């Protein structure tokens, strides 16, 4: 969506050069079928740009809400995860110390 919006914004001021063949058909006058076609194309492009901006804003809102929910879940489980990790490290350290004592014959 962002790429399409950027392309549309890039294209909008450059539309006047795309319809020079229609101006020639109208006898070189500035007003005529070519001018009308340019106006129609600009209106279509602006409408599409508005739709893309609204869609992007919806996506931003949805991602922000998702991020906030994910952060809330992580903050709730963060302490528990830390305690479980600490418990596992302590029990592993005890196993290592016990194994070393057995190997050295001190136990």
PDB file of N, CA and C in Angstrom:
ATOM      1  N   UNK A   1       0.821  -1.191   0.000  1.00  0.00           N
ATOM      2  CA  UNK A   1       0.000   0.000   0.000  1.00  0.00           C
ATOM      3  C   UNK A   1       0.870   1.262   0.000  1.00  0.00           C
ATOM      4  N   UNK A   2       1.938   1.231   0.797  1.00  0.00           N
ATOM      5  CA  UNK A   2       2.800   2.404   0.874  1.00  0.00           C
ATOM      6  C   UNK A   2       3.473   2.679  -0.469  1.00  0.00           C
ATOM      7  N   UNK A   3       3.859   1.608  -1.146  1.00  0.00           N
ATOM      8  CA  UNK A   3       4.515   1.762  -2.445  1.00  0.00           C
ATOM      9  C   UNK A   3       3.532   2.337  -3.460  1.00  0.00           C
ATOM     10  N   UNK A   4       2.313   1.809  -3.455  1.00  0.00           N
ATOM     11  CA  UNK A   4       1.305   2.306  -4.402  1.00  0.00           C
ATOM     12  C   UNK A   4       0.979   3.774  -4.122  1.00  0.00           C
ATOM     13  N   UNK A   5       0.905   4.151  -2.842  1.00  0.00           N
ATOM     14  CA  UNK A   5       0.650   5.543  -2.488  1.00  0.00           C
ATOM     15  C   UNK A   5       1.792   6.440  -2.958  1.00  0.00           C
ATOM     16  N   UNK A   6       3.025   6.001  -2.756  1.00  0.00           N
ATOM     17  CA  UNK A   6       4.179   6.786  -3.198  1.00  0.00           C
ATOM     18  C   UNK A   6       4.189   6.937  -4.718  1.00  0.00           C
ATOM     19  N   UNK A   7       3.841   5.862  -5.415  1.00  0.00           N
ATOM     20  CA  UNK A   7       3.792   5.930  -6.876  1.00  0.00           C
ATOM     21  C   UNK A   7       2.713   6.909  -7.347  1.00  0.00           C
ATOM     22  N   UNK A   8       1.573   6.881  -6.679  1.00  0.00           N
ATOM     23  CA  UNK A   8       0.487   7.788  -7.044  1.00  0.00           C
ATOM     24  C   UNK A   8       0.881   9.237  -6.790  1.00  0.00           C
ATOM     25  N   UNK A   9       1.521   9.486  -5.645  1.00  0.00           N
ATOM     26  CA  UNK A   9       1.957  10.849  -5.346  1.00  0.00           C
ATOM     27  C   UNK A   9       3.004  11.317  -6.346  1.00  0.00           C
ATOM     28  N   UNK A  10       3.830  10.392  -6.798  1.00  0.00           N
ATOM     29  CA  UNK A  10       4.851  10.734  -7.803  1.00  0.00           C
ATOM     30  C   UNK A  10       4.200  11.016  -9.147  1.00  0.00           C
ATOM     31  N   UNK A  11       3.181  10.242  -9.482  1.00  0.00           N
ATOM     32  CA  UNK A  11       2.546  10.335 -10.793  1.00  0.00           C
ATOM     33  C   UNK A  11       1.664  11.570 -10.957  1.00  0.00           C
ATOM     34  N   UNK A  12       1.034  12.006  -9.875  1.00  0.00           N
ATOM     35  CA  UNK A  12       0.026  13.065  -9.970  1.00  0.00           C
ATOM     36  C   UNK A  12       0.515  14.316 -10.693  1.00  0.00           C
ATOM     37  N   UNK A  13       1.638  14.924 -10.336  1.00  0.00           N
ATOM     38  CA  UNK A  13       2.050  16.133 -11.059  1.00  0.00           C
ATOM     39  C   UNK A  13       2.577  15.850 -12.465  1.00  0.00           C
ATOM     40  N   UNK A  14       2.823  14.607 -12.779  1.00  0.00           N
ATOM     41  CA  UNK A  14       3.395  14.258 -14.084  1.00  0.00           C
ATOM     42  C   UNK A  14       2.334  13.838 -15.107  1.00  0.00           C
ATOM     43  N   UNK A  15       1.080  13.865 -14.720  1.00  0.00           N
ATOM     44  CA  UNK A  15       0.017  13.443 -15.637  1.00  0.00           C
ATOM     45  C   UNK A  15      -0.111  14.367 -16.842  1.00  0.00           C
ATOM     46  N   UNK A  16       0.241  15.624 -16.695  1.00  0.00           N
ATOM     47  CA  UNK A  16       0.048  16.576 -17.790  1.00  0.00           C
ATOM     48  C   UNK A  16       0.865  16.192 -19.012  1.00  0.00           C
ATOM     49  N   UNK A  17       2.003  15.573 -18.802  1.00  0.00           N
ATOM     50  CA  UNK A  17       2.861  15.195 -19.932  1.00  0.00           C
ATOM     51  C   UNK A  17       2.387  13.911 -20.631  1.00  0.00           C
ATOM     52  N   UNK A  18       1.487  13.187 -19.974  1.00  0.00           N
ATOM     53  CA  UNK A  18       1.049  11.905 -20.540  1.00  0.00           C
ATOM     54  C   UNK A  18      -0.008  12.076 -21.634  1.00  0.00           C
ATOM     55  N   UNK A  19      -0.700  13.215 -21.655  1.00  0.00           N
ATOM     56  CA  UNK A  19      -1.818  13.376 -22.568  1.00  0.00           C
ATOM     57  C   UNK A  19      -1.543  14.395 -23.667  1.00  0.00           C
ATOM     58  N   UNK A  20      -0.293  14.592 -24.020  1.00  0.00           N
ATOM     59  CA  UNK A  20       0.033  15.563 -25.070  1.00  0.00           C
ATOM     60  C   UNK A  20      -0.527  15.134 -26.423  1.00  0.00           C
ATOM     61  N   UNK A  21      -0.666  13.830 -26.651  1.00  0.00           N
ATOM     62  CA  UNK A  21      -1.207  13.370 -27.931  1.00  0.00           C
ATOM     63  C   UNK A  21      -2.674  13.777 -28.087  1.00  0.00           C
ATOM     64  N   UNK A  22      -3.418  13.861 -26.976  1.00  0.00           N
ATOM     65  CA  UNK A  22      -4.811  14.287 -27.080  1.00  0.00           C
ATOM     66  C   UNK A  22      -4.907  15.782 -27.348  1.00  0.00           C
ATOM     67  N   UNK A  23      -3.965  16.545 -26.818  1.00  0.00           N
ATOM     68  CA  UNK A  23      -3.972  17.979 -27.107  1.00  0.00           C
ATOM     69  C   UNK A  23      -3.728  18.215 -28.594  1.00  0.00           C
ATOM     70  N   UNK A  24      -2.873  17.417 -29.189  1.00  0.00           N
ATOM     71  CA  UNK A  24      -2.615  17.562 -30.631  1.00  0.00           C
ATOM     72  C   UNK A  24      -3.866  17.222 -31.429  1.00  0.00           C
ATOM     73  N   UNK A  25      -4.589  16.213 -30.975  1.00  0.00           N
ATOM     74  CA  UNK A  25      -5.812  15.846 -31.688  1.00  0.00           C
ATOM     75  C   UNK A  25      -6.840  16.961 -31.610  1.00  0.00           C
ATOM     76  N   UNK A  26      -6.799  17.731 -30.530  1.00  0.00           N
ATOM     77  CA  UNK A  26      -7.762  18.815 -30.376  1.00  0.00           C
ATOM     78  C   UNK A  26      -7.292  20.081 -31.096  1.00  0.00           C
ATOM     79  N   UNK A  27      -6.270  19.976 -31.870  1.00  0.00           N
ATOM     80  CA  UNK A  27      -5.805  21.119 -32.624  1.00  0.00           C
ATOM     81  C   UNK A  27      -4.824  21.985 -31.856  1.00  0.00           C
ATOM     82  N   UNK A  28      -4.225  21.443 -30.813  1.00  0.00           N
ATOM     83  CA  UNK A  28      -3.238  22.195 -30.064  1.00  0.00           C
ATOM     84  C   UNK A  28      -3.822  23.143 -29.043  1.00  0.00           C
ATOM     85  N   UNK A  29      -5.146  23.167 -28.929  1.00  0.00           N
ATOM     86  CA  UNK A  29      -5.747  24.047 -27.925  1.00  0.00           C
ATOM     87  C   UNK A  29      -5.507  23.481 -26.530  1.00  0.00           C
ATOM     88  N   UNK A  30      -5.452  24.334 -25.558  1.00  0.00           N
ATOM     89  CA  UNK A  30      -5.228  23.900 -24.179  1.00  0.00           C
ATOM     90  C   UNK A  30      -6.476  23.219 -23.639  1.00  0.00           C
ATOM     91  N   UNK A  31      -7.639  23.769 -23.954  1.00  0.00           N
ATOM     92  CA  UNK A  31      -8.880  23.158 -23.481  1.00  0.00           C
ATOM     93  C   UNK A  31      -9.395  22.217 -24.570  1.00  0.00           C
ATOM     94  N   UNK A  32     -10.067  21.177 -24.125  1.00  0.00           N
ATOM     95  CA  UNK A  32     -10.592  20.213 -25.069  1.00  0.00           C
ATOM     96  C   UNK A  32     -10.631  18.837 -24.428  1.00  0.00           C
ATOM     97  N   UNK A  33     -10.669  17.806 -25.240  1.00  0.00           N
ATOM     98  CA  UNK A  33     -10.772  16.441 -24.736  1.00  0.00           C
ATOM     99  C   UNK A  33      -9.574  16.053 -23.873  1.00  0.00           C
ATOM    100  N   UNK A  34      -8.397  16.514 -24.260  1.00  0.00           N
ATOM    101  CA  UNK A  34      -7.209  16.175 -23.485  1.00  0.00           C
ATOM    102  C   UNK A  34      -7.261  16.740 -22.086  1.00  0.00           C
ATOM    103  N   UNK A  35      -7.702  17.965 -21.963  1.00  0.00           N
ATOM    104  CA  UNK A  35      -7.794  18.596 -20.647  1.00  0.00           C
ATOM    105  C   UNK A  35      -8.808  17.855 -19.781  1.00  0.00           C
ATOM    106  N   UNK A  36      -9.919  17.469 -20.361  1.00  0.00           N
ATOM    107  CA  UNK A  36     -10.936  16.746 -19.602  1.00  0.00           C
ATOM    108  C   UNK A  36     -10.417  15.394 -19.131  1.00  0.00           C
ATOM    109  N   UNK A  37      -9.695  14.703 -19.983  1.00  0.00           N
ATOM    110  CA  UNK A  37      -9.152  13.404 -19.603  1.00  0.00           C
ATOM    111  C   UNK A  37      -8.145  13.544 -18.460  1.00  0.00           C
ATOM    112  N   UNK A  38      -7.338  14.583 -18.491  1.00  0.00           N
ATOM    113  CA  UNK A  38      -6.379  14.820 -17.414  1.00  0.00           C
ATOM    114  C   UNK A  38      -7.120  15.058 -16.105  1.00  0.00           C
ATOM    115  N   UNK A  39      -8.184  15.840 -16.148  1.00  0.00           N
ATOM    116  CA  UNK A  39      -8.960  16.110 -14.936  1.00  0.00           C
ATOM    117  C   UNK A  39      -9.567  14.834 -14.379  1.00  0.00           C
ATOM    118  N   UNK A  40     -10.085  13.986 -15.259  1.00  0.00           N
ATOM    119  CA  UNK A  40     -10.660  12.711 -14.825  1.00  0.00           C
ATOM    120  C   UNK A  40      -9.578  11.837 -14.186  1.00  0.00           C
ATOM    121  N   UNK A  41      -8.428  11.746 -14.821  1.00  0.00           N
ATOM    122  CA  UNK A  41      -7.341  10.926 -14.287  1.00  0.00           C
ATOM    123  C   UNK A  41      -6.854  11.438 -12.936  1.00  0.00           C
ATOM    124  N   UNK A  42      -6.756  12.748 -12.792  1.00  0.00           N
ATOM    125  CA  UNK A  42      -6.324  13.320 -11.513  1.00  0.00           C
ATOM    126  C   UNK A  42      -7.335  13.027 -10.422  1.00  0.00           C
ATOM    127  N   UNK A  43      -8.623  13.114 -10.763  1.00  0.00           N
ATOM    128  CA  UNK A  43      -9.662  12.819  -9.770  1.00  0.00           C
ATOM    129  C   UNK A  43      -9.594  11.362  -9.339  1.00  0.00           C
ATOM    130  N   UNK A  44      -9.434  10.461 -10.297  1.00  0.00           N
ATOM    131  CA  UNK A  44      -9.329   9.035  -9.980  1.00  0.00           C
ATOM    132  C   UNK A  44      -8.103   8.776  -9.111  1.00  0.00           C
ATOM    133  N   UNK A  45      -6.986   9.394  -9.454  1.00  0.00           N
ATOM    134  CA  UNK A  45      -5.751   9.211  -8.705  1.00  0.00           C
ATOM    135  C   UNK A  45      -5.876   9.757  -7.285  1.00  0.00           C
ATOM    136  N   UNK A  46      -6.491  10.932  -7.140  1.00  0.00           N
ATOM    137  CA  UNK A  46      -6.682  11.507  -5.796  1.00  0.00           C
ATOM    138  C   UNK A  46      -7.617  10.652  -4.949  1.00  0.00           C
ATOM    139  N   UNK A  47      -8.664  10.111  -5.574  1.00  0.00           N
ATOM    140  CA  UNK A  47      -9.589   9.229  -4.847  1.00  0.00           C
ATOM    141  C   UNK A  47      -8.866   7.988  -4.360  1.00  0.00           C
ATOM    142  N   UNK A  48      -8.066   7.389  -5.225  1.00  0.00           N
ATOM    143  CA  UNK A  48      -7.307   6.192  -4.844  1.00  0.00           C
ATOM    144  C   UNK A  48      -6.300   6.508  -3.739  1.00  0.00           C
ATOM    145  N   UNK A  49      -5.663   7.688  -3.830  1.00  0.00           N
ATOM    146  CA  UNK A  49      -4.712   8.088  -2.796  1.00  0.00           C
ATOM    147  C   UNK A  49      -5.410   8.238  -1.445  1.00  0.00           C
ATOM    148  N   UNK A  50      -6.616   8.783  -1.444  1.00  0.00           N
ATOM    149  CA  UNK A  50      -7.387   8.916  -0.202  1.00  0.00           C
ATOM    150  C   UNK A  50      -7.736   7.563   0.391  1.00  0.00           C
ATOM    151  N   UNK A  51      -8.128   6.622  -0.474  1.00  0.00           N
ATOM    152  CA  UNK A  51      -8.435   5.266  -0.006  1.00  0.00           C
ATOM    153  C   UNK A  51      -7.197   4.601   0.589  1.00  0.00           C
ATOM    154  N   UNK A  52      -6.058   4.763  -0.075  1.00  0.00           N
ATOM    155  CA  UNK A  52      -4.824   4.166   0.421  1.00  0.00           C
ATOM    156  C   UNK A  52      -4.411   4.764   1.763  1.00  0.00           C
ATOM    157  N   UNK A  53      -4.565   6.080   1.912  1.00  0.00           N
ATOM    158  CA  UNK A  53      -4.214   6.722   3.185  1.00  0.00           C
ATOM    159  C   UNK A  53      -5.100   6.222   4.315  1.00  0.00           C
ATOM    160  N   UNK A  54      -6.402   6.059   4.040  1.00  0.00           N
ATOM    161  CA  UNK A  54      -7.307   5.532   5.067  1.00  0.00           C
ATOM    162  C   UNK A  54      -6.942   4.091   5.415  1.00  0.00           C
ATOM    163  N   UNK A  55      -6.627   3.285   4.409  1.00  0.00           N
ATOM    164  CA  UNK A  55      -6.237   1.894   4.655  1.00  0.00           C
ATOM    165  C   UNK A  55      -4.954   1.818   5.470  1.00  0.00           C
ATOM    166  N   UNK A  56      -3.990   2.661   5.135  1.00  0.00           N
ATOM    167  CA  UNK A  56      -2.738   2.680   5.892  1.00  0.00           C
ATOM    168  C   UNK A  56      -2.965   3.095   7.342  1.00  0.00           C
ATOM    169  N   UNK A  57      -3.845   4.052   7.544  1.00  0.00           N
ATOM    170  CA  UNK A  57      -4.142   4.478   8.918  1.00  0.00           C
ATOM    171  C   UNK A  57      -4.817   3.352   9.696  1.00  0.00           C
ATOM    172  N   UNK A  58      -5.712   2.592   9.028  1.00  0.00           N
ATOM    173  CA  UNK A  58      -6.338   1.436   9.677  1.00  0.00           C
ATOM    174  C   UNK A  58      -5.293   0.394  10.055  1.00  0.00           C
ATOM    175  N   UNK A  59      -4.349   0.150   9.162  1.00  0.00           N
ATOM    176  CA  UNK A  59      -3.289  -0.820   9.444  1.00  0.00           C
ATOM    177  C   UNK A  59      -2.431  -0.342  10.614  1.00  0.00           C
ATOM    178  N   UNK A  60      -2.085   0.938  10.625  1.00  0.00           N
ATOM    179  CA  UNK A  60      -1.285   1.491  11.731  1.00  0.00           C
ATOM    180  C   UNK A  60      -2.011   1.337  13.060  1.00  0.00           C
ATOM    181  N   UNK A  61      -3.311   1.636  13.072  1.00  0.00           N
ATOM    182  CA  UNK A  61      -4.105   1.509  14.292  1.00  0.00           C
ATOM    183  C   UNK A  61      -4.145   0.058  14.767  1.00  0.00           C
ATOM    184  N   UNK A  62      -4.380  -0.862  13.839  1.00  0.00           N
ATOM    185  CA  UNK A  62      -4.453  -2.277  14.181  1.00  0.00           C
ATOM    186  C   UNK A  62      -3.115  -2.771  14.729  1.00  0.00           C
ATOM    187  N   UNK A  63      -2.011  -2.403  14.094  1.00  0.00           N
ATOM    188  CA  UNK A  63      -0.693  -2.840  14.557  1.00  0.00           C
ATOM    189  C   UNK A  63      -0.359  -2.252  15.922  1.00  0.00           C
ATOM    190  N   UNK A  64      -0.767  -1.014  16.157  1.00  0.00           N
ATOM    191  CA  UNK A  64      -0.526  -0.384  17.456  1.00  0.00           C
ATOM    192  C   UNK A  64      -1.277  -1.133  18.551  1.00  0.00           C
ATOM    193  N   UNK A  65      -2.541  -1.468  18.287  1.00  0.00           N
ATOM    194  CA  UNK A  65      -3.335  -2.221  19.257  1.00  0.00           C
ATOM    195  C   UNK A  65      -2.717  -3.589  19.508  1.00  0.00           C
ATOM    196  N   UNK A  66      -2.268  -4.246  18.453  1.00  0.00           N
ATOM    197  CA  UNK A  66      -1.662  -5.573  18.586  1.00  0.00           C
ATOM    198  C   UNK A  66      -0.379  -5.488  19.407  1.00  0.00           C
ATOM    199  N   UNK A  67       0.441  -4.438  19.137  1.00  0.00           N
ATOM    200  CA  UNK A  67       1.680  -4.241  19.891  1.00  0.00           C
ATOM    201  C   UNK A  67       1.391  -4.032  21.375  1.00  0.00           C
ATOM    202  N   UNK A  68       0.372  -3.217  21.667  1.00  0.00           N
ATOM    203  CA  UNK A  68       0.020  -2.953  23.057  1.00  0.00           C
ATOM    204  C   UNK A  68      -0.451  -4.217  23.760  1.00  0.00           C
ATOM    205  N   UNK A  69      -1.271  -5.015  23.090  1.00  0.00           N
ATOM    206  CA  UNK A  69      -1.732  -6.279  23.681  1.00  0.00           C
ATOM    207  C   UNK A  69      -0.566  -7.230  23.916  1.00  0.00           C
ATOM    208  N   UNK A  70       0.336  -7.310  22.942  1.00  0.00           N
ATOM    209  CA  UNK A  70       1.492  -8.200  23.073  1.00  0.00           C
ATOM    210  C   UNK A  70       2.385  -7.740  24.223  1.00  0.00           C
ATOM    211  N   UNK A  71       2.572  -6.432  24.365  1.00  0.00           N
ATOM    212  CA  UNK A  71       3.390  -5.901  25.450  1.00  0.00           C
ATOM    213  C   UNK A  71       2.740  -6.192  26.803  1.00  0.00           C
ATOM    214  N   UNK A  72       1.409  -6.098  26.880  1.00  0.00           N
ATOM    215  CA  UNK A  72       0.712  -6.381  28.132  1.00  0.00           C
ATOM    216  C   UNK A  72       0.878  -7.842  28.524  1.00  0.00           C
ATOM    217  N   UNK A  73       0.788  -8.734  27.566  1.00  0.00           N
ATOM    218  CA  UNK A  73       0.959 -10.155  27.847  1.00  0.00           C
ATOM    219  C   UNK A  73       2.394 -10.441  28.283  1.00  0.00           C
ATOM    220  N   UNK A  74       3.353  -9.828  27.611  1.00  0.00           N
ATOM    221  CA  UNK A  74       4.753 -10.046  27.962  1.00  0.00           C
ATOM    222  C   UNK A  74       5.074  -9.500  29.344  1.00  0.00           C
ATOM    223  N   UNK A  75       4.500  -8.370  29.708  1.00  0.00           N
ATOM    224  CA  UNK A  75       4.788  -7.811  31.028  1.00  0.00           C
ATOM    225  C   UNK A  75       4.194  -8.689  32.122  1.00  0.00           C
ATOM    226  N   UNK A  76       3.044  -9.317  31.855  1.00  0.00           N
ATOM    227  CA  UNK A  76       2.438 -10.211  32.845  1.00  0.00           C
ATOM    228  C   UNK A  76       3.251 -11.491  32.992  1.00  0.00           C
ATOM    229  N   UNK A  77       3.707 -12.029  31.891  1.00  0.00           N
ATOM    230  CA  UNK A  77       4.426 -13.298  31.933  1.00  0.00           C
ATOM    231  C   UNK A  77       5.926 -13.109  32.088  1.00  0.00           C
ATOM    232  N   UNK A  78       6.399 -11.871  31.978  1.00  0.00           N
ATOM    233  CA  UNK A  78       7.833 -11.618  32.064  1.00  0.00           C
ATOM    234  C   UNK A  78       8.414 -12.029  33.393  1.00  0.00           C
ATOM    235  N   UNK A  79       7.768 -11.654  34.490  1.00  0.00           N
ATOM    236  CA  UNK A  79       8.257 -12.018  35.814  1.00  0.00           C
ATOM    237  C   UNK A  79       8.242 -13.521  36.022  1.00  0.00           C
ATOM    238  N   UNK A  80       7.190 -14.158  35.586  1.00  0.00           N
ATOM    239  CA  UNK A  80       7.083 -15.608  35.714  1.00  0.00           C
ATOM    240  C   UNK A  80       8.170 -16.295  34.896  1.00  0.00           C
ATOM    241  N   UNK A  81       8.400 -15.811  33.684  1.00  0.00           N
ATOM    242  CA  UNK A  81       9.432 -16.405  32.835  1.00  0.00           C
ATOM    243  C   UNK A  81      10.805 -16.246  33.473  1.00  0.00           C
ATOM    244  N   UNK A  82      11.051 -15.086  34.055  1.00  0.00           N
ATOM    245  CA  UNK A  82      12.340 -14.846  34.702  1.00  0.00           C
ATOM    246  C   UNK A  82      12.524 -15.799  35.883  1.00  0.00           C
ATOM    247  N   UNK A  83      11.479 -16.001  36.674  1.00  0.00           N
ATOM    248  CA  UNK A  83      11.573 -16.903  37.825  1.00  0.00           C
ATOM    249  C   UNK A  83      11.816 -18.338  37.374  1.00  0.00           C
ATOM    250  N   UNK A  84      11.125 -18.765  36.314  1.00  0.00           N
ATOM    251  CA  UNK A  84      11.332 -20.122  35.808  1.00  0.00           C
ATOM    252  C   UNK A  84      12.754 -20.309  35.283  1.00  0.00           C
ATOM    253  N   UNK A  85      13.257 -19.300  34.575  1.00  0.00           N
ATOM    254  CA  UNK A  85      14.612 -19.361  34.054  1.00  0.00           C
ATOM    255  C   UNK A  85      15.619 -19.426  35.198  1.00  0.00           C
ATOM    256  N   UNK A  86      15.419 -18.599  36.207  1.00  0.00           N
ATOM    257  CA  UNK A  86      16.313 -18.597  37.361  1.00  0.00           C
ATOM    258  C   UNK A  86      16.291 -19.950  38.066  1.00  0.00           C
ATOM    259  N   UNK A  87      15.106 -20.532  38.212  1.00  0.00           N
ATOM    260  CA  UNK A  87      14.988 -21.851  38.841  1.00  0.00           C
ATOM    261  C   UNK A  87      15.739 -22.906  38.036  1.00  0.00           C
ATOM    262  N   UNK A  88      15.586 -22.867  36.718  1.00  0.00           N
ATOM    263  CA  UNK A  88      16.282 -23.833  35.872  1.00  0.00           C
ATOM    264  C   UNK A  88      17.796 -23.669  35.965  1.00  0.00           C
ATOM    265  N   UNK A  89      18.276 -22.438  36.006  1.00  0.00           N
ATOM    266  CA  UNK A  89      19.712 -22.200  36.119  1.00  0.00           C
ATOM    267  C   UNK A  89      20.260 -22.706  37.444  1.00  0.00           C
ATOM    268  N   UNK A  90      19.532 -22.467  38.527  1.00  0.00           N
ATOM    269  CA  UNK A  90      19.979 -22.919  39.841  1.00  0.00           C
ATOM    270  C   UNK A  90      20.006 -24.438  39.897  1.00  0.00           C
ATOM    271  N   UNK A  91      18.965 -25.089  39.382  1.00  0.00           N
ATOM    272  CA  UNK A  91      18.938 -26.550  39.416  1.00  0.00           C
ATOM    273  C   UNK A  91      20.027 -27.134  38.513  1.00  0.00           C
ATOM    274  N   UNK A  92      20.300 -26.490  37.375  1.00  0.00           N
ATOM    275  CA  UNK A  92      21.371 -26.963  36.496  1.00  0.00           C
ATOM    276  C   UNK A  92      22.721 -26.802  37.180  1.00  0.00           C
ATOM    277  N   UNK A  93      22.901 -25.663  37.846  1.00  0.00           N
ATOM    278  CA  UNK A  93      24.162 -25.418  38.562  1.00  0.00           C
ATOM    279  C   UNK A  93      24.345 -26.473  39.658  1.00  0.00           C
ATOM    280  N   UNK A  94      23.277 -26.829  40.353  1.00  0.00           N
ATOM    281  CA  UNK A  94      23.354 -27.855  41.395  1.00  0.00           C
ATOM    282  C   UNK A  94      23.725 -29.203  40.790  1.00  0.00           C
ATOM    283  N   UNK A  95      23.187 -29.509  39.619  1.00  0.00           N
ATOM    284  CA  UNK A  95      23.519 -30.774  38.954  1.00  0.00           C
ATOM    285  C   UNK A  95      24.987 -30.791  38.550  1.00  0.00           C
ATOM    286  N   UNK A  96      25.470 -29.689  38.039  1.00  0.00           N
ATOM    287  CA  UNK A  96      26.876 -29.600  37.618  1.00  0.00           C
ATOM    288  C   UNK A  96      27.786 -29.760  38.826  1.00  0.00           C
ATOM    289  N   UNK A  97      27.454 -29.073  39.914  1.00  0.00           N
ATOM    290  CA  UNK A  97      28.287 -29.175  41.121  1.00  0.00           C
ATOM    291  C   UNK A  97      28.257 -30.600  41.655  1.00  0.00           C
ATOM    292  N   UNK A  98      27.080 -31.218  41.658  1.00  0.00           N
ATOM    293  CA  UNK A  98      26.975 -32.606  42.124  1.00  0.00           C
ATOM    294  C   UNK A  98      27.796 -33.543  41.261  1.00  0.00           C
ATOM    295  N   UNK A  99      27.783 -33.349  39.964  1.00  0.00           N
ATOM    296  CA  UNK A  99      28.550 -34.200  39.061  1.00  0.00           C
ATOM    297  C   UNK A  99      30.051 -34.007  39.296  1.00  0.00           C
ATOM    298  N   UNK A 100      30.463 -32.776  39.507  1.00  0.00           N
ATOM    299  CA  UNK A 100      31.878 -32.512  39.759  1.00  0.00           C
ATOM    300  C   UNK A 100      32.339 -33.166  41.055  1.00  0.00           C
ATOM    301  N   UNK A 101      31.509 -33.103  42.067  1.00  0.00           N
ATOM    302  CA  UNK A 101      31.858 -33.720  43.337  1.00  0.00           C
ATOM    303  C   UNK A 101      31.968 -35.237  43.205  1.00  0.00           C
ATOM    304  N   UNK A 102      31.078 -35.839  42.404  1.00  0.00           N
ATOM    305  CA  UNK A 102      31.136 -37.274  42.189  1.00  0.00           C
ATOM    306  C   UNK A 102      32.399 -37.662  41.455  1.00  0.00           C
ATOM    307  N   UNK A 103      32.756 -36.892  40.447  1.00  0.00           N
ATOM    308  CA  UNK A 103      33.931 -37.190  39.652  1.00  0.00           C
ATOM    309  C   UNK A 103      35.203 -37.059  40.496  1.00  0.00           C
ATOM    310  N   UNK A 104      35.226 -36.051  41.327  1.00  0.00           N
ATOM    311  CA  UNK A 104      36.410 -35.825  42.164  1.00  0.00           C
ATOM    312  C   UNK A 104      36.446 -36.787  43.358  1.00  0.00           C
ATOM    313  N   UNK A 105      35.349 -37.456  43.621  1.00  0.00           N
ATOM    314  CA  UNK A 105      35.292 -38.387  44.730  1.00  0.00           C
ATOM    315  C   UNK A 105      35.128 -37.717  46.076  1.00  0.00           C
ATOM    316  N   UNK A 106      34.608 -36.525  46.079  1.00  0.00           N
ATOM    317  CA  UNK A 106      34.439 -35.791  47.344  1.00  0.00           C
ATOM    318  C   UNK A 106      33.074 -36.036  47.971  1.00  0.00           C
ATOM    319  N   UNK A 107      32.245 -36.746  47.330  1.00  0.00           N
ATOM    320  CA  UNK A 107      30.910 -36.958  47.884  1.00  0.00           C
ATOM    321  C   UNK A 107      30.675 -38.385  48.220  1.00  0.00           C
TER     322      UNK A 107
END
